[in-house]
């Protein structure tokens, strides 16, 4: 399998690139954000928790204190993939801290080729990122069926986020040549 990774934060990208280099030709890392447009964008780096960094500006004063705005390149996934040679079945894994719908919008062609997608979805009262229902409405018309979760994040004993798994039935899959 080949793995293509995207990371907009310079420090995290350097660590990712070092790991990718140790994997040989199977892993390629890109220093960019993904979205529904191409160009320079503001990216909000969470200094205390880089995994919580996002294209979305922090909503609370406390969060604004821990975030630093930086400019990074954003590309549509379809544009990046057009320069790659994809073979076999395609799995897309997204954890983009609330920009899932925008990344999917920029990946319309790739969604036609993908066999499965794993992405983070909000459930219940959580509204800081796309809700599961919004993702379901986006993916079902493209042939993806919800098949369960890989994991869940709880706050005060209540599930708030899930890593939802969507799979195309074999009859709808197109294998990349």
Protein backbone atom coordinates (compact mmCIF):
# COMPACT_ATOMS: atom_id res chain seq x y z
CA UNK A 1 0.00 0.00 0.00
CA UNK A 2 1.06 3.58 -0.63
CA UNK A 3 0.32 6.26 1.94
CA UNK A 4 -0.05 9.99 1.20
CA UNK A 5 -0.02 12.27 4.26
CA UNK A 6 -0.89 15.95 4.52
CA UNK A 7 0.26 18.18 7.38
CA UNK A 8 0.10 22.00 7.37
CA UNK A 9 2.10 22.69 10.58
CA UNK A 10 5.84 23.05 9.84
CA UNK A 11 7.11 21.30 13.00
CA UNK A 12 4.64 18.42 12.72
CA UNK A 13 5.41 18.13 9.01
CA UNK A 14 9.15 17.80 9.70
CA UNK A 15 8.46 14.93 12.12
CA UNK A 16 6.09 13.33 9.62
CA UNK A 17 8.66 13.69 6.84
CA UNK A 18 11.36 12.00 8.94
CA UNK A 19 9.00 9.08 9.55
CA UNK A 20 8.00 8.96 5.86
CA UNK A 21 11.66 8.85 4.81
CA UNK A 22 12.17 5.73 6.94
CA UNK A 23 9.28 3.99 5.13
CA UNK A 24 10.92 4.08 1.71
CA UNK A 25 8.94 4.86 -1.41
CA UNK A 26 5.62 3.79 0.11
CA UNK A 27 4.96 7.03 2.04
CA UNK A 28 4.88 10.57 0.70
CA UNK A 29 4.28 13.61 2.93
CA UNK A 30 2.92 16.97 1.78
CA UNK A 31 3.30 20.23 3.73
CA UNK A 32 -0.14 21.70 3.13
CA UNK A 33 -3.71 21.92 4.36
CA UNK A 34 -6.56 20.37 2.40
CA UNK A 35 -9.83 22.10 1.59
CA UNK A 36 -12.23 23.16 -1.14
CA UNK A 37 -9.96 25.78 -2.76
CA UNK A 38 -6.32 26.38 -3.58
CA UNK A 39 -4.21 29.22 -2.22
CA UNK A 40 -2.78 30.70 0.95
CA UNK A 41 -4.96 30.45 4.07
CA UNK A 42 -4.80 31.33 7.75
CA UNK A 43 -4.25 28.26 9.91
CA UNK A 44 -4.71 28.36 13.67
CA UNK A 45 -1.92 26.49 15.45
CA UNK A 46 -2.88 25.28 18.93
CA UNK A 47 0.45 25.65 20.77
CA UNK A 48 -0.62 23.53 23.73
CA UNK A 49 -2.14 20.73 21.59
CA UNK A 50 -0.98 20.75 17.93
CA UNK A 51 -3.53 18.03 17.10
CA UNK A 52 -6.25 20.58 17.85
CA UNK A 53 -4.98 23.05 15.26
CA UNK A 54 -7.44 23.99 12.55
CA UNK A 55 -8.44 26.12 9.61
CA UNK A 56 -11.23 27.35 11.88
CA UNK A 57 -10.56 30.28 14.20
CA UNK A 58 -10.90 29.48 17.92
CA UNK A 59 -14.33 30.32 19.31
CA UNK A 60 -13.60 31.07 22.98
CA UNK A 61 -11.25 33.66 24.54
CA UNK A 62 -9.29 30.89 26.30
CA UNK A 63 -8.76 29.07 23.01
CA UNK A 64 -7.71 32.29 21.26
CA UNK A 65 -4.93 32.68 23.86
CA UNK A 66 -3.43 29.27 23.03
CA UNK A 67 -3.65 29.62 19.24
CA UNK A 68 -1.27 31.41 16.87
CA UNK A 69 -2.32 32.25 13.33
CA UNK A 70 0.07 31.28 10.56
CA UNK A 71 -0.23 31.30 6.79
CA UNK A 72 -0.07 27.99 4.96
CA UNK A 73 -0.82 26.58 1.54
CA UNK A 74 -4.15 24.86 0.97
CA UNK A 75 -4.98 22.60 -1.98
CA UNK A 76 -7.95 20.57 -3.12
CA UNK A 77 -7.27 16.87 -2.68
CA UNK A 78 -8.40 16.24 -6.27
CA UNK A 79 -5.71 18.63 -7.54
CA UNK A 80 -2.95 16.92 -5.55
CA UNK A 81 -4.11 13.41 -6.47
CA UNK A 82 -4.13 14.34 -10.18
CA UNK A 83 -0.31 14.35 -10.06
CA UNK A 84 -0.09 10.94 -8.33
CA UNK A 85 -0.40 7.41 -9.66
CA UNK A 86 -2.98 5.67 -7.49
CA UNK A 87 -3.34 1.90 -7.74
CA UNK A 88 -5.71 -0.57 -6.16
CA UNK A 89 -8.38 0.23 -3.62
CA UNK A 90 -8.30 3.67 -2.02
CA UNK A 91 -8.93 4.41 1.65
CA UNK A 92 -9.27 8.04 2.73
CA UNK A 93 -8.64 8.86 6.41
CA UNK A 94 -9.49 12.41 7.47
CA UNK A 95 -8.89 14.13 10.79
CA UNK A 96 -9.02 17.81 9.87
CA UNK A 97 -10.53 19.34 13.00
CA UNK A 98 -13.83 20.55 11.58
CA UNK A 99 -12.95 21.01 7.89
CA UNK A 100 -14.18 17.56 6.81
CA UNK A 101 -16.98 18.85 4.56
CA UNK A 102 -14.62 21.31 2.85
CA UNK A 103 -12.01 18.59 2.22
CA UNK A 104 -14.70 16.26 0.82
CA UNK A 105 -15.90 19.08 -1.46
CA UNK A 106 -12.36 19.39 -2.81
CA UNK A 107 -12.16 15.60 -3.34
CA UNK A 108 -15.20 14.92 -5.53
CA UNK A 109 -13.24 12.95 -8.15
CA UNK A 110 -11.29 10.99 -5.55
CA UNK A 111 -14.54 10.07 -3.78
CA UNK A 112 -15.60 8.39 -7.02
CA UNK A 113 -12.52 6.14 -6.82
CA UNK A 114 -12.37 5.55 -3.06
CA UNK A 115 -13.62 2.31 -1.51
CA UNK A 116 -13.73 3.53 2.10
CA UNK A 117 -13.51 6.69 4.20
CA UNK A 118 -12.76 7.08 7.89
CA UNK A 119 -13.39 10.52 9.33
CA UNK A 120 -14.06 12.31 12.57
CA UNK A 121 -17.70 13.23 13.11
CA UNK A 122 -19.52 15.06 15.88
CA UNK A 123 -22.47 13.34 17.55
CA UNK A 124 -25.07 14.47 20.05
CA UNK A 125 -24.83 18.12 21.05
CA UNK A 126 -21.27 18.60 19.79
CA UNK A 127 -21.26 21.33 17.11
CA UNK A 128 -17.60 22.34 16.85
CA UNK A 129 -17.21 20.28 13.66
CA UNK A 130 -19.47 18.64 11.07
CA UNK A 131 -22.16 16.53 12.65
CA UNK A 132 -22.44 12.85 11.74
CA UNK A 133 -25.74 13.55 9.99
CA UNK A 134 -24.10 16.16 7.69
CA UNK A 135 -21.37 13.69 6.71
CA UNK A 136 -23.91 10.92 6.13
CA UNK A 137 -25.91 13.22 3.82
CA UNK A 138 -22.71 14.06 1.91
CA UNK A 139 -21.39 10.51 1.55
CA UNK A 140 -24.51 8.37 0.98
CA UNK A 141 -25.32 9.95 -2.43
CA UNK A 142 -21.76 9.06 -3.47
CA UNK A 143 -22.36 5.39 -2.70
CA UNK A 144 -20.85 5.17 0.80
CA UNK A 145 -22.66 3.31 3.55
CA UNK A 146 -22.03 3.87 7.25
CA UNK A 147 -20.55 0.72 8.79
CA UNK A 148 -19.59 1.68 12.36
CA UNK A 149 -16.96 3.50 14.39
CA UNK A 150 -13.31 2.84 15.08
CA UNK A 151 -13.34 4.90 18.24
CA UNK A 152 -15.14 7.55 20.25
CA UNK A 153 -14.17 10.59 22.32
CA UNK A 154 -16.14 11.21 25.49
CA UNK A 155 -16.64 14.40 27.51
CA UNK A 156 -18.10 13.94 30.99
CA UNK A 157 -19.13 10.39 30.08
CA UNK A 158 -21.02 11.49 26.97
CA UNK A 159 -19.79 10.56 23.46
CA UNK A 160 -18.99 13.71 21.43
CA UNK A 161 -16.83 12.53 18.52
CA UNK A 162 -16.52 9.30 16.58
CA UNK A 163 -14.16 8.01 13.93
CA UNK A 164 -16.92 6.95 11.54
CA UNK A 165 -16.30 4.31 8.86
CA UNK A 166 -18.06 4.58 5.49
CA UNK A 167 -17.61 1.84 2.88
CA UNK A 168 -18.80 1.47 -0.70
CA UNK A 169 -20.39 -1.88 -1.53
CA UNK A 170 -18.17 -3.92 -3.90
CA UNK A 171 -20.62 -3.38 -6.78
CA UNK A 172 -19.99 0.40 -6.64
CA UNK A 173 -16.21 0.33 -6.29
CA UNK A 174 -13.87 1.45 -9.06
CA UNK A 175 -10.35 0.12 -8.58
CA UNK A 176 -7.63 2.62 -9.51
CA UNK A 177 -5.56 1.30 -12.42
